[in-house]
Amino acid sequence: MIQVNHVFHDYEGKGKFAVSDISFSVEGGSIFGFLGPSGAGKSTIQNIMTGLLPIQQGEVLYENRSVRELKTSFFNQIGVSFEQSNLYASLTGLENLKYYAALFSVPTLSPMELLDRVGLREDANKRVSHYSKGMKQRLTFARSLINKPKFLFLDEPTSGLDPKTAVGIRELILEQKARGAAVFLTTHSMELADVLSDTVAFLNGGVIAACDTPEALKRAYGKREVRVVYREDGKEHNRLIPMDDRAQLSEFLTAADVVKLHSQEATLEEIFLRVTGKELSA
């Protein structure tokens, strides 16, 4: 388990906090979706959790051990995939993974098998300088898995990927959850967060505006409605009826020439806008 307790961070030391009183936990075998627009503080929290930024106030615990006290060997248990790839451009994809695997003092996965899983087997011996942006992103993601991390940090893992490749990456992420990893996912994609996350936190202006399961957030902030497509005067029309207003729904369905029904619930994107008053992509 990862526990983040009352974390604050002020880059300039002038009392203007980039993140303020952030608390949450990530269980092993679960995916925690951390969502917010650019500048909300997502990278700050991720950098504090991975030791790239020192803790100023608050605490981050890995299985009840403070990140302040962790030794170099602890990083055998962490995998990180940044949105901006940091690869060795003059090396091939395979050489990048082999070099990275050699840095760990724990058993690692086969570099070629990982390249195969992310669709880069045929490009294994091509220099990374000749990779497209999407290929670099897949290689960075593969690199984050090579040490079979107990704690996995993923930043926009499917951004810019074609649908087929994105599905393959999602499957790999779910495999990490299934083997017991604690997965911390930062993303702008509400669809990705909804599909993958067990818990979602909305970060806005450096504070957590809401945090719960996707279903609980939809129940708390969404509107349960049924969209009825019906025919009248030779034309099709739409009408939204509250799902909980059974009397109105029953009366209308009995009287109308119904073509089809769709249950509708608010999307995470709509809920984020309702909670924060901002577009996620802003």
Protein backbone atom coordinates (compact mmCIF):
# COMPACT_ATOMS: atom_id res chain seq x y z
CA MET A 1 0.00 0.00 0.00
CA ILE A 2 0.99 3.61 -0.67
CA GLN A 3 -0.29 6.25 1.75
CA VAL A 4 -0.09 9.97 1.04
CA ASN A 5 -0.88 11.97 4.18
CA HIS A 6 -1.47 15.75 4.25
CA VAL A 7 1.18 16.64 1.68
CA PHE A 8 1.89 20.30 0.86
CA HIS A 9 4.46 21.74 -1.54
CA ASP A 10 5.51 25.33 -2.15
CA TYR A 11 8.07 25.76 -4.93
CA GLU A 12 9.02 29.34 -4.05
CA GLY A 13 8.68 29.20 -0.26
CA LYS A 14 6.29 32.15 -0.25
CA GLY A 15 3.20 30.40 1.06
CA LYS A 16 1.73 29.76 -2.38
CA PHE A 17 1.19 26.00 -2.45
CA ALA A 18 1.24 24.06 -5.72
CA VAL A 19 -0.50 21.24 -3.82
CA SER A 20 -2.25 21.60 -0.49
CA ASP A 21 -3.26 18.99 2.10
CA ILE A 22 -3.27 16.05 -0.31
CA SER A 23 -4.23 12.69 1.24
CA PHE A 24 -5.14 9.36 -0.34
CA SER A 25 -4.05 5.72 -0.41
CA VAL A 26 -3.35 3.21 -3.18
CA GLU A 27 -3.88 -0.45 -2.29
CA GLY A 28 -1.86 -3.27 -3.82
CA GLY A 29 -3.83 -4.86 -6.64
CA SER A 30 -5.69 -1.64 -7.44
CA ILE A 31 -5.50 1.31 -9.83
CA PHE A 32 -5.77 4.87 -8.52
CA GLY A 33 -6.72 7.42 -11.17
CA PHE A 34 -5.38 10.94 -10.50
CA LEU A 35 -7.16 13.40 -12.78
CA GLY A 36 -6.80 17.10 -13.32
CA PRO A 37 -6.09 19.79 -15.92
CA SER A 38 -2.57 20.98 -16.72
CA GLY A 39 -1.13 22.89 -13.78
CA ALA A 40 -3.39 21.22 -11.22
CA GLY A 41 -0.47 19.65 -9.35
CA LYS A 42 -0.48 16.08 -10.68
CA SER A 43 3.22 16.05 -11.59
CA THR A 44 4.15 17.62 -8.25
CA ILE A 45 2.48 14.81 -6.32
CA GLN A 46 3.95 12.13 -8.58
CA ASN A 47 7.44 13.61 -8.19
CA ILE A 48 7.10 13.72 -4.40
CA MET A 49 5.87 10.13 -4.32
CA THR A 50 8.80 8.89 -6.41
CA GLY A 51 11.43 10.86 -4.48
CA LEU A 52 12.20 13.36 -7.26
CA LEU A 53 10.96 16.19 -5.05
CA PRO A 54 11.69 16.36 -1.30
CA ILE A 55 8.75 16.33 1.11
CA GLN A 56 8.24 19.75 2.65
CA GLN A 57 5.19 18.97 4.73
CA GLY A 58 3.21 15.76 5.19
CA GLU A 59 4.21 12.17 4.61
CA VAL A 60 4.36 9.48 1.94
CA LEU A 61 4.48 5.89 3.20
CA TYR A 62 5.23 2.68 1.35
CA GLU A 63 3.98 -0.21 3.46
CA ASN A 64 4.30 2.06 6.52
CA ARG A 65 7.88 3.11 5.66
CA SER A 66 8.47 6.79 4.98
CA VAL A 67 9.79 7.73 1.55
CA ARG A 68 12.32 9.86 3.47
CA GLU A 69 13.90 6.68 4.87
CA LEU A 70 13.89 4.45 1.81
CA LYS A 71 17.20 3.12 0.55
CA THR A 72 18.42 2.79 -3.05
CA SER A 73 17.30 -0.84 -3.10
CA PHE A 74 13.71 0.34 -2.76
CA PHE A 75 13.79 1.54 -6.36
CA ASN A 76 13.94 -2.10 -7.43
CA GLN A 77 10.22 -2.06 -6.59
CA ILE A 78 9.21 1.05 -8.55
CA GLY A 79 8.32 1.42 -12.23
CA VAL A 80 7.72 4.84 -13.81
CA SER A 81 6.46 5.75 -17.27
CA PHE A 82 6.62 9.49 -17.88
CA GLU A 83 4.49 11.18 -20.54
CA GLN A 84 7.67 12.72 -21.98
CA SER A 85 9.94 9.82 -22.88
CA ASN A 86 13.51 9.90 -21.55
CA LEU A 87 15.24 7.28 -23.67
CA TYR A 88 18.73 6.85 -25.13
CA ALA A 89 18.18 7.95 -28.72
CA SER A 90 21.43 6.49 -30.05
CA LEU A 91 20.59 3.01 -28.74
CA THR A 92 18.04 0.63 -30.24
CA GLY A 93 14.81 -0.19 -28.48
CA LEU A 94 16.21 -3.56 -27.40
CA GLU A 95 19.47 -1.99 -26.18
CA ASN A 96 17.51 0.55 -24.14
CA LEU A 97 15.61 -2.19 -22.32
CA LYS A 98 18.70 -4.36 -21.80
CA TYR A 99 20.64 -1.44 -20.36
CA TYR A 100 17.77 -0.48 -18.05
CA ALA A 101 17.28 -4.09 -16.90
CA ALA A 102 20.96 -4.26 -15.92
CA LEU A 103 20.44 -1.44 -13.40
CA PHE A 104 18.25 -3.61 -11.17
CA SER A 105 19.39 -6.14 -8.59
CA VAL A 106 16.18 -8.18 -8.93
CA PRO A 107 15.03 -10.58 -11.66
CA THR A 108 13.75 -8.76 -14.74
CA LEU A 109 11.47 -9.62 -17.63
CA SER A 110 12.68 -10.51 -21.10
CA PRO A 111 13.24 -7.28 -23.08
CA MET A 112 12.18 -8.92 -26.33
CA GLU A 113 8.97 -10.28 -24.81
CA LEU A 114 8.10 -6.82 -23.54
CA LEU A 115 8.80 -5.29 -26.94
CA ASP A 116 6.50 -7.89 -28.44
CA ARG A 117 3.72 -7.05 -25.97
CA VAL A 118 3.81 -3.35 -26.91
CA GLY A 119 4.05 -4.02 -30.64
CA LEU A 120 7.73 -3.14 -31.11
CA ARG A 121 9.29 -6.53 -31.85
CA GLU A 122 9.89 -5.68 -35.52
CA ASP A 123 11.53 -2.39 -34.45
CA ALA A 124 13.66 -3.90 -31.67
CA ASN A 125 16.93 -3.26 -33.51
CA LYS A 126 16.03 0.19 -34.80
CA ARG A 127 17.63 3.22 -33.15
CA VAL A 128 15.22 5.12 -30.91
CA SER A 129 16.13 8.32 -32.76
CA HIS A 130 14.14 6.84 -35.67
CA TYR A 131 11.11 5.96 -33.52
CA SER A 132 7.89 7.95 -33.80
CA LYS A 133 6.47 9.67 -30.72
CA GLY A 134 4.00 6.83 -30.20
CA MET A 135 6.74 4.19 -30.49
CA LYS A 136 8.85 6.05 -27.91
CA GLN A 137 5.86 6.14 -25.60
CA ARG A 138 5.34 2.39 -25.92
CA LEU A 139 9.03 1.75 -25.26
CA THR A 140 8.92 3.96 -22.16
CA PHE A 141 5.89 2.05 -20.92
CA ALA A 142 7.60 -1.30 -21.56
CA ARG A 143 10.64 -0.08 -19.65
CA SER A 144 8.47 0.70 -16.60
CA LEU A 145 7.43 -2.97 -16.39
CA ILE A 146 10.80 -4.64 -16.81
CA ASN A 147 11.53 -5.04 -13.08
CA LYS A 148 7.99 -6.31 -12.30
CA PRO A 149 7.40 -3.29 -10.04
CA LYS A 150 5.36 -3.45 -6.89
CA PHE A 151 4.52 0.24 -7.29
CA LEU A 152 3.81 1.45 -10.83
CA PHE A 153 3.49 5.12 -11.82
CA LEU A 154 1.95 5.80 -15.21
CA ASP A 155 1.58 9.26 -16.77
CA GLU A 156 -0.74 9.38 -19.80
CA PRO A 157 0.17 5.82 -20.92
CA THR A 158 -2.17 5.76 -23.95
CA SER A 159 -1.97 9.38 -25.09
CA GLY A 160 -1.56 9.64 -28.86
CA LEU A 161 -1.74 5.89 -29.48
CA ASP A 162 -3.98 4.30 -32.10
CA PRO A 163 -7.05 2.49 -30.69
CA LYS A 164 -5.68 -1.04 -31.17
CA THR A 165 -2.37 -0.24 -29.46
CA ALA A 166 -4.17 1.63 -26.66
CA VAL A 167 -6.30 -1.45 -25.95
CA GLY A 168 -3.13 -3.55 -25.69
CA ILE A 169 -1.60 -1.08 -23.22
CA ARG A 170 -4.78 -1.12 -21.12
CA GLU A 171 -4.64 -4.91 -21.00
CA LEU A 172 -1.04 -4.78 -19.78
CA ILE A 173 -1.99 -2.27 -17.07
CA LEU A 174 -4.78 -4.56 -15.88
CA GLU A 175 -2.28 -7.44 -15.78
CA GLN A 176 -0.12 -5.40 -13.39
CA LYS A 177 -3.13 -4.88 -11.15
CA ALA A 178 -3.96 -8.60 -11.30
CA ARG A 179 -0.47 -9.58 -10.13
CA GLY A 180 -0.85 -7.27 -7.12
CA ALA A 181 0.88 -4.03 -8.13
CA ALA A 182 -0.31 -0.69 -6.75
CA VAL A 183 -0.86 1.43 -9.89
CA PHE A 184 -0.90 5.24 -9.77
CA LEU A 185 -2.35 6.59 -13.02
CA THR A 186 -2.27 10.27 -13.98
CA THR A 187 -4.27 11.15 -17.06
CA HIS A 188 -6.47 13.67 -18.84
CA SER A 189 -8.49 10.82 -20.32
CA MET A 190 -11.72 10.33 -18.39
CA GLU A 191 -12.52 7.30 -20.55
CA LEU A 192 -9.23 5.62 -19.60
CA ALA A 193 -9.74 6.44 -15.92
CA ASP A 194 -13.30 5.14 -15.99
CA VAL A 195 -12.29 1.86 -17.65
CA LEU A 196 -9.24 1.17 -15.46
CA SER A 197 -9.53 2.90 -12.10
CA ASP A 198 -10.83 1.42 -8.87
CA THR A 199 -10.64 4.87 -7.27
CA VAL A 200 -10.56 8.30 -8.91
CA ALA A 201 -9.40 11.60 -7.44
CA PHE A 202 -10.20 14.95 -9.08
CA LEU A 203 -7.33 17.40 -8.53
CA ASN A 204 -8.08 21.07 -9.08
CA GLY A 205 -5.97 24.05 -8.06
CA GLY A 206 -3.68 21.87 -5.96
CA VAL A 207 -6.44 20.32 -3.84
CA ILE A 208 -8.52 17.15 -4.19
CA ALA A 209 -12.05 18.22 -5.08
CA ALA A 210 -13.54 14.71 -4.98
CA CYS A 211 -12.26 11.16 -4.45
CA ASP A 212 -14.21 7.90 -4.71
CA THR A 213 -14.93 4.98 -7.02
CA PRO A 214 -16.13 5.98 -10.50
CA GLU A 215 -19.55 4.46 -9.80
CA ALA A 216 -19.90 6.27 -6.47
CA LEU A 217 -18.99 9.58 -8.12
CA LYS A 218 -21.59 8.99 -10.83
CA ARG A 219 -24.25 8.25 -8.20
CA ALA A 220 -23.30 11.26 -6.10
CA TYR A 221 -22.98 13.86 -8.85
CA GLY A 222 -24.66 12.39 -11.91
CA LYS A 223 -28.24 12.44 -13.10
CA ARG A 224 -29.89 9.07 -13.66
CA GLU A 225 -31.98 9.50 -16.80
CA VAL A 226 -33.56 7.45 -19.56
CA ARG A 227 -33.44 8.80 -23.10
CA VAL A 228 -36.52 7.70 -24.96
CA VAL A 229 -36.63 7.82 -28.75
CA TYR A 230 -40.25 7.84 -29.84
CA ARG A 231 -42.21 8.40 -33.05
CA GLU A 232 -44.82 11.12 -33.36
CA ASP A 233 -46.38 12.61 -36.51
CA GLY A 234 -44.12 10.46 -38.63
CA LYS A 235 -40.92 11.84 -37.05
CA GLU A 236 -38.56 10.57 -34.36
CA HIS A 237 -38.17 12.61 -31.19
CA ASN A 238 -36.07 12.38 -28.01
CA ARG A 239 -37.14 12.86 -24.42
CA LEU A 240 -35.15 12.58 -21.18
CA ILE A 241 -37.02 11.19 -18.18
CA PRO A 242 -35.56 10.83 -14.66
CA MET A 243 -34.91 7.15 -14.02
CA ASP A 244 -36.26 7.43 -10.48
CA ASP A 245 -39.56 8.97 -11.63
CA ARG A 246 -41.15 5.61 -12.28
CA ALA A 247 -44.67 6.97 -12.60
CA GLN A 248 -43.74 9.42 -15.38
CA LEU A 249 -41.57 6.83 -17.10
CA SER A 250 -44.28 4.16 -16.99
CA GLU A 251 -46.99 6.56 -18.18
CA PHE A 252 -44.93 7.82 -21.10
CA LEU A 253 -43.79 4.37 -22.22
CA THR A 254 -47.36 3.12 -22.16
CA ALA A 255 -48.70 5.99 -24.25
CA ALA A 256 -45.83 6.72 -26.65
CA ASP A 257 -44.77 4.93 -29.82
CA VAL A 258 -41.34 4.04 -28.45
CA VAL A 259 -38.56 3.27 -30.92
CA LYS A 260 -35.74 2.66 -28.43
CA LEU A 261 -34.55 3.35 -24.89
CA HIS A 262 -31.12 4.32 -23.56
CA SER A 263 -30.19 4.54 -19.89
CA GLN A 264 -27.99 7.60 -19.37
CA GLU A 265 -25.62 8.45 -16.55
CA ALA A 266 -23.20 11.30 -16.23
CA THR A 267 -19.70 10.71 -17.54
CA LEU A 268 -16.65 11.41 -15.39
CA GLU A 269 -15.93 14.36 -17.68
CA GLU A 270 -19.33 15.88 -16.86
CA ILE A 271 -18.87 15.19 -13.15
CA PHE A 272 -15.42 16.80 -13.17
CA LEU A 273 -16.89 19.91 -14.75
CA ARG A 274 -19.73 19.92 -12.21
CA VAL A 275 -17.36 19.52 -9.25
CA THR A 276 -14.60 21.91 -10.33
CA GLY A 277 -16.29 24.22 -12.80
CA LYS A 278 -13.46 23.53 -15.28
CA GLU A 279 -12.88 21.47 -18.40
CA LEU A 280 -10.38 18.65 -17.80
CA SER A 281 -8.52 19.51 -21.00
CA ALA A 282 -8.10 23.13 -19.95
